[in-house]
């Protein structure tokens, strides 16, 4: 089997938390490593997720000391989107369906 590892840096602008993590992590840059394996049984190449890890610097004075946590990619994505306020950007509803129905009844 063929494996691939991708690395990226996620920048969080405010403290954040993730499901399954008991602590709130400070704002900052975090290295994220994702490992995948290629499914060679299929006629076209597909990659299957194996693991995602986030590197946490435990001591800002010594960047060589860090912790590595295994995380669920979806939980990390939700935390990142929440930080970027993408998830909070919902359209505002002018009036609810119930009010709309009441207006229709009054007009009759």
C-alpha atoms as a PDB file:
ATOM      1  CA  UNK A   1       0.000   0.000   0.000  1.00  0.00           C
ATOM      2  CA  UNK A   2       1.051   3.527  -0.741  1.00  0.00           C
ATOM      3  CA  UNK A   3       0.840   6.123   2.029  1.00  0.00           C
ATOM      4  CA  UNK A   4       0.911   9.886   1.837  1.00  0.00           C
ATOM      5  CA  UNK A   5       1.318  12.480   4.521  1.00  0.00           C
ATOM      6  CA  UNK A   6       0.247  16.089   4.147  1.00  0.00           C
ATOM      7  CA  UNK A   7       1.182  18.930   6.446  1.00  0.00           C
ATOM      8  CA  UNK A   8      -0.404  22.336   6.815  1.00  0.00           C
ATOM      9  CA  UNK A   9      -0.486  25.200   9.275  1.00  0.00           C
ATOM     10  CA  UNK A  10      -3.814  26.390  10.678  1.00  0.00           C
ATOM     11  CA  UNK A  11      -3.882  29.876  12.179  1.00  0.00           C
ATOM     12  CA  UNK A  12      -6.447  30.397  14.928  1.00  0.00           C
ATOM     13  CA  UNK A  13      -7.124  34.042  15.760  1.00  0.00           C
ATOM     14  CA  UNK A  14      -8.798  33.313  19.131  1.00  0.00           C
ATOM     15  CA  UNK A  15      -8.692  30.555  21.744  1.00  0.00           C
ATOM     16  CA  UNK A  16     -10.575  27.447  20.611  1.00  0.00           C
ATOM     17  CA  UNK A  17     -11.759  24.061  21.751  1.00  0.00           C
ATOM     18  CA  UNK A  18     -12.698  20.837  20.028  1.00  0.00           C
ATOM     19  CA  UNK A  19     -15.076  18.046  20.884  1.00  0.00           C
ATOM     20  CA  UNK A  20     -13.282  15.435  22.965  1.00  0.00           C
ATOM     21  CA  UNK A  21     -10.614  17.883  24.136  1.00  0.00           C
ATOM     22  CA  UNK A  22     -10.850  18.911  27.791  1.00  0.00           C
ATOM     23  CA  UNK A  23      -8.819  22.091  27.420  1.00  0.00           C
ATOM     24  CA  UNK A  24      -9.154  25.380  25.573  1.00  0.00           C
ATOM     25  CA  UNK A  25      -6.207  25.920  23.261  1.00  0.00           C
ATOM     26  CA  UNK A  26      -4.722  29.393  22.850  1.00  0.00           C
ATOM     27  CA  UNK A  27      -4.814  31.365  19.626  1.00  0.00           C
ATOM     28  CA  UNK A  28      -1.859  30.741  17.370  1.00  0.00           C
ATOM     29  CA  UNK A  29      -0.454  28.644  14.552  1.00  0.00           C
ATOM     30  CA  UNK A  30      -0.810  24.873  14.718  1.00  0.00           C
ATOM     31  CA  UNK A  31       0.841  22.277  12.519  1.00  0.00           C
ATOM     32  CA  UNK A  32      -1.634  19.635  11.328  1.00  0.00           C
ATOM     33  CA  UNK A  33      -0.455  16.323   9.843  1.00  0.00           C
ATOM     34  CA  UNK A  34      -2.861  14.078   7.925  1.00  0.00           C
ATOM     35  CA  UNK A  35      -1.968  10.550   6.904  1.00  0.00           C
ATOM     36  CA  UNK A  36      -3.815   8.674   4.167  1.00  0.00           C
ATOM     37  CA  UNK A  37      -3.394   5.355   2.422  1.00  0.00           C
ATOM     38  CA  UNK A  38      -4.188   4.549  -1.202  1.00  0.00           C
ATOM     39  CA  UNK A  39      -6.814   1.914  -1.896  1.00  0.00           C
ATOM     40  CA  UNK A  40      -5.208  -0.114  -4.664  1.00  0.00           C
ATOM     41  CA  UNK A  41      -8.169  -2.463  -5.104  1.00  0.00           C
ATOM     42  CA  UNK A  42     -10.036   0.062  -7.229  1.00  0.00           C
ATOM     43  CA  UNK A  43      -9.319   0.861 -10.875  1.00  0.00           C
ATOM     44  CA  UNK A  44      -8.789   4.542 -10.059  1.00  0.00           C
ATOM     45  CA  UNK A  45      -6.695   5.964  -7.201  1.00  0.00           C
ATOM     46  CA  UNK A  46      -8.567   6.815  -4.029  1.00  0.00           C
ATOM     47  CA  UNK A  47      -7.141   7.862  -0.706  1.00  0.00           C
ATOM     48  CA  UNK A  48      -8.550   6.703   2.608  1.00  0.00           C
ATOM     49  CA  UNK A  49      -8.052   8.786   5.742  1.00  0.00           C
ATOM     50  CA  UNK A  50      -5.908   7.103   8.398  1.00  0.00           C
ATOM     51  CA  UNK A  51      -5.155   9.782  11.010  1.00  0.00           C
ATOM     52  CA  UNK A  52      -4.984  13.507  11.709  1.00  0.00           C
ATOM     53  CA  UNK A  53      -2.694  14.971  14.335  1.00  0.00           C
ATOM     54  CA  UNK A  54      -2.334  18.498  15.671  1.00  0.00           C
ATOM     55  CA  UNK A  55       0.956  19.634  17.190  1.00  0.00           C
ATOM     56  CA  UNK A  56       0.637  21.734  20.337  1.00  0.00           C
ATOM     57  CA  UNK A  57       3.536  23.786  21.655  1.00  0.00           C
ATOM     58  CA  UNK A  58       3.444  23.249  25.406  1.00  0.00           C
ATOM     59  CA  UNK A  59       6.061  25.888  26.223  1.00  0.00           C
ATOM     60  CA  UNK A  60       6.272  29.036  24.127  1.00  0.00           C
ATOM     61  CA  UNK A  61       9.843  29.664  25.359  1.00  0.00           C
ATOM     62  CA  UNK A  62      10.954  26.284  23.982  1.00  0.00           C
ATOM     63  CA  UNK A  63       9.321  25.559  20.610  1.00  0.00           C
ATOM     64  CA  UNK A  64      11.082  22.176  20.461  1.00  0.00           C
ATOM     65  CA  UNK A  65       8.816  20.861  23.235  1.00  0.00           C
ATOM     66  CA  UNK A  66       5.394  19.958  21.912  1.00  0.00           C
ATOM     67  CA  UNK A  67       2.506  17.566  22.371  1.00  0.00           C
ATOM     68  CA  UNK A  68       0.831  15.729  19.537  1.00  0.00           C
ATOM     69  CA  UNK A  69      -2.890  14.958  19.713  1.00  0.00           C
ATOM     70  CA  UNK A  70      -4.867  12.708  17.402  1.00  0.00           C
ATOM     71  CA  UNK A  71      -8.066  14.485  16.389  1.00  0.00           C
ATOM     72  CA  UNK A  72     -11.055  13.842  14.194  1.00  0.00           C
ATOM     73  CA  UNK A  73     -10.771  15.919  11.001  1.00  0.00           C
ATOM     74  CA  UNK A  74     -14.385  17.079  11.236  1.00  0.00           C
ATOM     75  CA  UNK A  75     -13.908  18.344  14.808  1.00  0.00           C
ATOM     76  CA  UNK A  76     -10.825  20.283  13.717  1.00  0.00           C
ATOM     77  CA  UNK A  77     -12.692  21.704  10.736  1.00  0.00           C
ATOM     78  CA  UNK A  78     -15.602  22.832  12.927  1.00  0.00           C
ATOM     79  CA  UNK A  79     -13.203  24.556  15.348  1.00  0.00           C
ATOM     80  CA  UNK A  80     -11.410  26.282  12.474  1.00  0.00           C
ATOM     81  CA  UNK A  81     -14.618  27.423  10.775  1.00  0.00           C
ATOM     82  CA  UNK A  82     -15.957  28.698  14.085  1.00  0.00           C
ATOM     83  CA  UNK A  83     -12.730  30.677  14.518  1.00  0.00           C
ATOM     84  CA  UNK A  84     -13.071  32.117  11.030  1.00  0.00           C
ATOM     85  CA  UNK A  85     -16.749  32.943  11.755  1.00  0.00           C
ATOM     86  CA  UNK A  86     -17.827  31.035   8.673  1.00  0.00           C
ATOM     87  CA  UNK A  87     -20.321  28.983  10.630  1.00  0.00           C
ATOM     88  CA  UNK A  88     -21.945  32.060  12.201  1.00  0.00           C
ATOM     89  CA  UNK A  89     -22.616  33.740   8.864  1.00  0.00           C
ATOM     90  CA  UNK A  90     -26.221  32.620   8.472  1.00  0.00           C
ATOM     91  CA  UNK A  91     -28.729  34.720   6.555  1.00  0.00           C
ATOM     92  CA  UNK A  92     -31.131  36.704   8.690  1.00  0.00           C
ATOM     93  CA  UNK A  93     -34.757  35.681   8.280  1.00  0.00           C
ATOM     94  CA  UNK A  94     -37.093  38.651   7.908  1.00  0.00           C
ATOM     95  CA  UNK A  95     -40.054  36.793   9.398  1.00  0.00           C
ATOM     96  CA  UNK A  96     -40.858  33.250  10.342  1.00  0.00           C
ATOM     97  CA  UNK A  97     -43.192  30.958   8.432  1.00  0.00           C
ATOM     98  CA  UNK A  98     -45.668  31.165  11.309  1.00  0.00           C
ATOM     99  CA  UNK A  99     -45.906  34.958  11.024  1.00  0.00           C
ATOM    100  CA  UNK A 100     -46.212  34.643   7.270  1.00  0.00           C
ATOM    101  CA  UNK A 101     -49.133  32.238   7.664  1.00  0.00           C
ATOM    102  CA  UNK A 102     -50.815  34.559  10.155  1.00  0.00           C
ATOM    103  CA  UNK A 103     -50.551  37.460   7.722  1.00  0.00           C
ATOM    104  CA  UNK A 104     -52.075  35.348   4.991  1.00  0.00           C
ATOM    105  CA  UNK A 105     -54.986  34.396   7.253  1.00  0.00           C
ATOM    106  CA  UNK A 106     -55.614  38.017   8.238  1.00  0.00           C
ATOM    107  CA  UNK A 107     -55.660  39.124   4.620  1.00  0.00           C
ATOM    108  CA  UNK A 108     -58.419  36.631   3.777  1.00  0.00           C
END
